[in-house]
Protein backbone atom coordinates (compact mmCIF):
# COMPACT_ATOMS: atom_id res chain seq x y z
CA MET A 1 -9.02 20.25 12.07
CA SER A 2 -8.28 17.94 8.84
CA PRO A 3 -8.52 20.00 5.40
CA LEU A 4 -10.47 16.35 4.41
CA ARG A 5 -12.81 16.70 8.37
CA TRP A 6 -14.30 19.63 5.78
CA VAL A 7 -14.43 17.76 3.41
CA TRP A 8 -16.71 16.08 5.31
CA ARG A 9 -18.49 19.05 6.85
CA GLY A 10 -18.92 19.93 3.07
CA PHE A 11 -21.02 16.97 1.84
CA ASP A 12 -22.68 16.53 4.99
CA ARG A 13 -24.42 19.58 4.52
CA PHE A 14 -25.01 20.75 0.74
CA PHE A 15 -25.36 16.52 -0.65
CA GLY A 16 -26.50 15.49 2.92
CA ILE A 17 -23.39 12.62 2.03
CA ASP A 18 -21.74 11.46 4.62
CA TRP A 19 -18.33 10.04 4.05
CA ARG A 20 -17.02 9.26 6.99
CA PRO A 21 -17.47 5.99 7.19
CA TRP A 22 -15.11 5.94 4.09
CA TRP A 23 -12.04 8.31 4.61
CA VAL A 24 -9.43 5.45 5.37
CA GLU A 25 -10.70 4.49 1.06
CA VAL A 26 -10.43 7.46 0.14
CA TRP A 27 -7.42 8.59 1.74
CA VAL A 28 -5.59 5.18 0.64
CA LEU A 29 -6.88 6.14 -3.64
CA VAL A 30 -5.41 8.75 -3.30
CA LEU A 31 -2.20 7.53 -1.89
CA VAL A 32 -2.19 5.10 -5.10
CA ALA A 33 -3.05 7.53 -7.11
CA LEU A 34 0.45 9.73 -6.01
CA VAL A 35 2.38 6.69 -6.06
CA LEU A 36 1.43 6.31 -9.82
CA TRP A 37 1.26 9.46 -11.04
CA CYS A 38 5.12 9.81 -9.81
CA ILE A 39 5.55 6.05 -11.63
CA PHE A 40 4.59 6.45 -14.61
CA TRP A 41 5.55 10.76 -15.34
CA GLY A 42 8.20 11.07 -12.35
CA GLN A 43 11.99 11.55 -13.79
CA PRO A 44 14.02 8.26 -13.01
CA GLY A 45 16.57 9.45 -10.16
CA ASN A 46 14.15 12.02 -8.37
CA ALA A 47 14.26 12.77 -4.85
CA ILE A 48 10.03 13.18 -4.38
CA ILE A 49 9.94 9.41 -6.23
CA TRP A 50 11.89 8.43 -3.12
CA TRP A 51 10.28 10.53 -0.76
CA VAL A 52 6.46 9.56 -1.96
CA ALA A 53 7.55 5.74 -2.37
CA ILE A 54 8.61 6.31 2.16
CA VAL A 55 5.66 7.75 2.54
CA VAL A 56 3.48 6.13 1.58
CA LEU A 57 5.18 2.44 2.66
CA ALA A 58 5.14 4.24 5.77
CA ASP A 59 1.22 4.91 5.97
CA SER A 60 0.58 1.17 4.15
CA ILE A 61 3.10 -0.81 7.56
CA GLY A 62 1.31 1.50 10.35
CA ALA A 63 -2.02 -0.01 9.06
CA THR A 64 -0.53 -3.77 8.91
CA ILE A 65 1.19 -3.26 12.48
CA ARG A 66 -2.39 -1.56 13.77
CA ASP A 67 -3.98 -4.71 11.91
CA LEU A 68 -1.41 -7.31 13.45
CA THR A 69 -2.12 -5.87 16.54
CA ALA A 70 -5.94 -5.69 16.52
CA PRO A 71 -6.76 -9.27 18.19
CA LEU A 72 -4.57 -8.02 21.26
CA HIS A 73 -6.97 -6.01 22.09
CA LYS A 74 -9.81 -6.38 24.03
CA ALA A 75 -12.99 -7.62 22.34
CA GLY A 76 -15.05 -5.29 20.48
CA GLU A 77 -11.97 -2.37 20.06
CA ILE A 78 -11.74 -3.04 17.00
CA LEU A 79 -15.58 -4.80 14.96
CA VAL A 80 -15.34 -5.23 11.22
CA TYR A 81 -19.05 -4.21 9.84
CA ASN A 82 -17.99 -4.78 6.01
CA SER A 83 -16.28 -8.09 5.49
CA VAL A 84 -15.89 -7.47 1.90
CA ARG A 85 -14.72 -3.85 2.24
CA TRP A 86 -12.25 -5.46 4.78
CA LEU A 87 -10.98 -7.33 2.68
CA LEU A 88 -10.82 -5.19 0.03
CA MET A 89 -8.64 -2.69 2.05
CA ALA A 90 -6.18 -5.95 2.14
CA ALA A 91 -6.04 -5.64 -1.12
CA ILE A 92 -6.07 -1.82 -2.40
CA ASN A 93 -3.11 -2.37 0.61
CA ILE A 94 -1.07 -5.40 -1.24
CA VAL A 95 -0.81 -3.36 -4.51
CA GLU A 96 0.06 -0.14 -2.50
CA VAL A 97 2.96 -1.15 -1.38
CA ALA A 98 3.96 -3.18 -4.78
CA LEU A 99 3.65 0.60 -6.31
CA CYS A 100 5.38 1.98 -3.57
CA PHE A 101 8.63 -0.27 -4.44
CA ALA A 102 8.06 0.14 -8.23
CA ALA A 103 9.16 4.17 -7.60
CA LEU A 104 12.04 2.95 -5.17
CA ALA A 105 12.80 1.03 -8.29
CA LEU A 106 12.97 3.49 -10.57
CA TYR A 107 14.42 6.51 -8.21
CA TYR A 108 17.43 3.25 -7.61
CA GLY A 109 17.18 2.69 -11.78
CA GLN A 110 20.64 2.64 -12.40
CA GLY A 111 21.55 -0.09 -9.87
CA PHE A 112 20.65 -2.49 -12.50
CA LYS A 113 21.30 -3.98 -15.86
CA PRO A 114 19.88 -3.07 -17.56
CA PRO A 115 19.07 0.13 -15.81
CA ILE A 116 15.03 0.72 -14.84
CA THR A 117 14.28 4.05 -17.01
CA ASP A 118 10.62 4.27 -17.48
CA GLY A 119 7.56 3.43 -15.01
CA SER A 120 6.54 0.16 -16.95
CA MET A 121 10.01 -1.82 -15.94
CA ALA A 122 9.37 -0.83 -12.43
CA VAL A 123 6.14 -1.80 -12.43
CA TYR A 124 7.57 -5.90 -13.74
CA PHE A 125 10.42 -5.22 -12.07
CA THR A 126 8.25 -5.18 -8.61
CA ALA A 127 5.82 -7.81 -9.99
CA ILE A 128 7.87 -10.61 -10.72
CA THR A 129 9.94 -9.29 -6.90
CA PHE A 130 6.38 -9.63 -5.77
CA SER A 131 5.35 -12.63 -7.38
CA THR A 132 8.63 -14.81 -6.34
CA LEU A 133 9.46 -15.67 -9.61
CA GLY A 134 12.62 -13.88 -10.06
CA TYR A 135 13.97 -12.38 -13.34
CA GLY A 136 16.92 -13.35 -15.46
CA ASP A 137 16.56 -10.13 -17.59
CA VAL A 138 17.18 -7.64 -14.63
CA VAL A 139 20.08 -7.95 -11.80
CA PRO A 140 20.89 -5.72 -9.04
CA THR A 141 24.58 -4.04 -9.57
CA ASN A 142 24.96 -2.28 -6.29
CA TRP A 143 24.58 -2.74 -2.57
CA GLN A 144 20.68 -0.38 -2.65
CA ALA A 145 19.55 -1.88 -5.53
CA ARG A 146 19.95 -5.18 -4.02
CA ALA A 147 18.88 -4.63 -0.62
CA LEU A 148 15.71 -2.66 -2.20
CA ILE A 149 14.96 -6.37 -3.00
CA SER A 150 15.49 -7.61 0.13
CA TRP A 151 12.97 -5.11 1.29
CA GLU A 152 10.37 -5.27 -0.58
CA LEU A 153 10.40 -9.26 -0.57
CA LEU A 154 10.21 -8.70 3.52
CA ALA A 155 7.27 -6.13 2.72
CA PHE A 156 5.71 -8.86 0.43
CA ILE A 157 6.01 -11.08 3.72
CA LEU A 158 5.02 -9.36 5.61
CA PHE A 159 1.52 -8.16 3.71
CA LEU A 160 1.42 -11.62 1.67
CA VAL A 161 1.92 -14.04 3.59
CA ILE A 162 0.75 -12.27 7.11
CA LYS A 163 -1.69 -9.40 6.86
CA LEU A 164 -4.43 -11.82 3.81
CA PRO A 165 -4.79 -14.59 6.65
CA LEU A 166 -4.66 -12.34 9.58
CA ALA A 167 -7.92 -10.15 7.40
CA VAL A 168 -10.26 -12.98 6.43
CA GLY A 169 -9.08 -14.36 10.01
CA VAL A 170 -10.54 -11.17 11.96
CA ILE A 171 -13.39 -11.51 9.54
CA LYS A 172 -14.59 -14.78 10.88
CA VAL A 173 -13.59 -13.77 14.70
CA LYS A 174 -15.71 -10.33 14.32
CA GLU A 175 -17.75 -9.81 11.87
CA LYS A 176 -20.42 -8.21 13.42
CA PRO A 177 -23.60 -7.73 11.71
CA GLU A 178 -24.72 -4.01 9.64
CA TRP A 179 -28.68 -4.31 11.11
CA PRO A 180 -29.06 -3.07 14.66
């Protein structure tokens, strides 16, 4: 059994609170907090920042692939009980991915001119890249930085252009009432 399952059982037993419906939200918020910690308190070029960003990014991409393939399943396998919760999770996943790329920008910060050496600059860089506005004040100088920008734009397309409309479409098609 996972440690999270033990926490659920503890809340069920001692407080009468059933956290099982919210385990995904708790997990994603823990991952977001971990990435934020890496961005604002980690040292540029630290391998822990890279590993945390890659693991959280893989988790987000896995959730997105699940969401993309959900319409291919038989009817009734994936049910949306709360449309607001579904859209909120899609938005949180987009923020999660943006923060992962900010952590990666901090890790590869020396590959930019001027170097990205702090969390606020990394978040700025990622926000400008994700919004596709472009920037004239930050320039990639090596192949790792250019590859990071390319992967970030692909993630932008995957998460904002495909996932959010898909989440809205799944809600319209499969929403089930919360009452019996």
